[in-house]
């Protein structure tokens, strides 16, 4: 399998996971099994395989920004990094859905956070955390 094929399969798998996650209100068990577990695990297996196979030959490292940039000049390691993003962002989105269900946060309020998590990972986490904090603050009685 070529790196480009693996890239396409990873993107398709992640997109399917996000679609299922956005429909989690209608099929929560499927979302938990597919978006929270199966697809992130599949992406993680591909990531681990790439790292195990190509890390030793990759230039750069994590000790400076320049070395991180060099590290991602390897197509195999760049793909591993991309799969890392796909797996963790989807896993985080699934966590957001589970927490929202448990805390009874309306899905319409969570959906924009999911879209942000899909596109910009940490920004979506920040938005969801802010939403949770705002709901918590609003639910507390005001002292007279």
Protein backbone atom coordinates (compact mmCIF):
# COMPACT_ATOMS: atom_id res chain seq x y z
CA UNK A 1 0.00 0.00 0.00
CA UNK A 2 1.35 3.42 -0.91
CA UNK A 3 1.61 6.33 1.48
CA UNK A 4 -0.93 8.23 -0.61
CA UNK A 5 -3.37 5.32 -0.34
CA UNK A 6 -2.90 5.16 3.43
CA UNK A 7 -3.42 8.93 3.61
CA UNK A 8 -6.70 8.62 1.70
CA UNK A 9 -7.92 5.68 3.77
CA UNK A 10 -7.06 7.49 7.00
CA UNK A 11 -8.92 10.61 5.88
CA UNK A 12 -11.96 8.58 4.80
CA UNK A 13 -12.02 6.62 8.06
CA UNK A 14 -11.79 9.79 10.13
CA UNK A 15 -14.50 11.50 8.08
CA UNK A 16 -16.80 8.50 8.60
CA UNK A 17 -16.07 8.70 12.32
CA UNK A 18 -16.99 12.37 12.44
CA UNK A 19 -20.21 11.78 10.49
CA UNK A 20 -21.20 9.03 12.92
CA UNK A 21 -20.26 11.29 15.83
CA UNK A 22 -22.43 14.11 14.50
CA UNK A 23 -25.31 11.61 14.36
CA UNK A 24 -24.58 10.27 17.84
CA UNK A 25 -27.78 11.74 19.18
CA UNK A 26 -29.68 9.23 17.02
CA UNK A 27 -27.36 6.22 17.40
CA UNK A 28 -25.23 6.66 20.52
CA UNK A 29 -24.06 3.03 20.77
CA UNK A 30 -22.72 3.09 17.21
CA UNK A 31 -20.96 6.39 17.90
CA UNK A 32 -19.30 4.98 21.01
CA UNK A 33 -18.10 1.87 19.23
CA UNK A 34 -17.09 3.41 15.92
CA UNK A 35 -16.06 7.02 16.61
CA UNK A 36 -14.75 6.62 20.13
CA UNK A 37 -13.02 3.28 19.73
CA UNK A 38 -12.78 1.45 16.40
CA UNK A 39 -11.62 4.26 14.12
CA UNK A 40 -9.19 5.87 16.59
CA UNK A 41 -7.72 2.41 17.20
CA UNK A 42 -7.40 1.75 13.47
CA UNK A 43 -5.65 5.09 12.96
CA UNK A 44 -3.43 4.38 15.95
CA UNK A 45 -2.35 1.04 14.50
CA UNK A 46 -1.40 2.72 11.22
CA UNK A 47 0.43 5.46 13.15
CA UNK A 48 2.36 2.96 15.28
CA UNK A 49 3.30 0.92 12.21
CA UNK A 50 4.69 3.98 10.43
CA UNK A 51 6.63 5.12 13.48
CA UNK A 52 8.06 1.65 14.10
CA UNK A 53 9.04 1.25 10.46
CA UNK A 54 10.44 4.72 9.72
CA UNK A 55 11.33 6.60 12.91
CA UNK A 56 14.93 5.38 13.02
CA UNK A 57 15.70 6.92 9.59
CA UNK A 58 13.82 10.18 10.12
CA UNK A 59 15.85 13.37 10.36
CA UNK A 60 15.33 15.81 13.21
CA UNK A 61 13.77 15.32 16.61
CA UNK A 62 11.84 17.13 19.33
CA UNK A 63 14.62 19.20 20.94
CA UNK A 64 14.09 22.35 18.84
CA UNK A 65 11.58 23.82 16.43
CA UNK A 66 14.06 23.41 13.57
CA UNK A 67 14.45 19.71 14.37
CA UNK A 68 10.68 19.22 14.54
CA UNK A 69 10.44 20.83 11.11
CA UNK A 70 13.18 18.48 9.82
CA UNK A 71 11.36 15.50 11.31
CA UNK A 72 8.33 16.21 9.16
CA UNK A 73 10.33 16.39 5.94
CA UNK A 74 10.05 12.58 5.87
CA UNK A 75 6.81 11.66 4.06
CA UNK A 76 6.35 8.60 6.27
CA UNK A 77 6.71 10.57 9.50
CA UNK A 78 4.56 13.41 8.16
CA UNK A 79 1.84 10.83 7.44
CA UNK A 80 2.28 9.37 10.93
CA UNK A 81 1.85 12.89 12.33
CA UNK A 82 -1.30 13.39 10.28
CA UNK A 83 -2.77 10.08 11.47
CA UNK A 84 -1.90 11.15 15.02
CA UNK A 85 -4.00 14.30 14.54
CA UNK A 86 -6.88 12.37 13.01
CA UNK A 87 -6.94 9.79 15.81
CA UNK A 88 -6.67 12.21 18.70
CA UNK A 89 -9.09 14.81 17.36
CA UNK A 90 -11.74 12.13 16.76
CA UNK A 91 -11.10 10.59 20.17
CA UNK A 92 -11.45 14.06 21.73
CA UNK A 93 -14.68 14.72 19.82
CA UNK A 94 -16.11 11.41 21.07
CA UNK A 95 -15.14 12.37 24.61
CA UNK A 96 -16.92 15.71 24.20
CA UNK A 97 -20.09 13.90 23.12
CA UNK A 98 -19.93 11.48 26.08
CA UNK A 99 -19.39 14.30 28.58
CA UNK A 100 -22.17 16.37 27.01
CA UNK A 101 -24.57 13.43 27.28
CA UNK A 102 -23.62 12.82 30.92
CA UNK A 103 -23.95 16.51 31.79
CA UNK A 104 -27.10 16.92 29.70
CA UNK A 105 -25.66 19.65 27.53
CA UNK A 106 -27.91 20.11 24.48
CA UNK A 107 -26.37 18.65 21.34
CA UNK A 108 -27.03 21.87 19.41
CA UNK A 109 -24.61 23.62 21.76
CA UNK A 110 -22.03 20.84 21.40
CA UNK A 111 -22.15 20.60 17.58
CA UNK A 112 -20.18 23.84 16.97
CA UNK A 113 -17.53 22.61 19.44
CA UNK A 114 -17.32 19.36 17.48
CA UNK A 115 -16.85 21.24 14.23
CA UNK A 116 -14.06 23.27 15.83
CA UNK A 117 -12.49 20.09 17.22
CA UNK A 118 -12.66 18.51 13.76
CA UNK A 119 -10.93 21.46 12.11
CA UNK A 120 -8.72 22.88 14.87
CA UNK A 121 -8.50 20.23 17.67
CA UNK A 122 -7.43 22.27 20.70
CA UNK A 123 -9.66 25.22 19.76
CA UNK A 124 -12.65 22.87 19.84
CA UNK A 125 -11.56 21.52 23.21
CA UNK A 126 -11.27 25.11 24.48
CA UNK A 127 -14.76 25.94 23.16
CA UNK A 128 -16.26 22.81 24.74
CA UNK A 129 -14.51 23.48 28.06
CA UNK A 130 -15.79 27.07 27.99
CA UNK A 131 -19.30 25.80 27.30
CA UNK A 132 -19.10 23.42 30.26
CA UNK A 133 -17.78 26.15 32.53
CA UNK A 134 -20.52 28.57 31.45
CA UNK A 135 -23.24 25.98 32.07
CA UNK A 136 -21.77 25.16 35.46
CA UNK A 137 -21.61 28.85 36.42
CA UNK A 138 -25.21 29.40 35.28
CA UNK A 139 -26.50 26.41 37.24
CA UNK A 140 -25.11 27.60 40.57
CA UNK A 141 -27.49 29.60 42.75
CA UNK A 142 -26.59 33.23 43.18
CA UNK A 143 -25.95 34.26 46.79
CA UNK A 144 -28.19 37.08 47.97
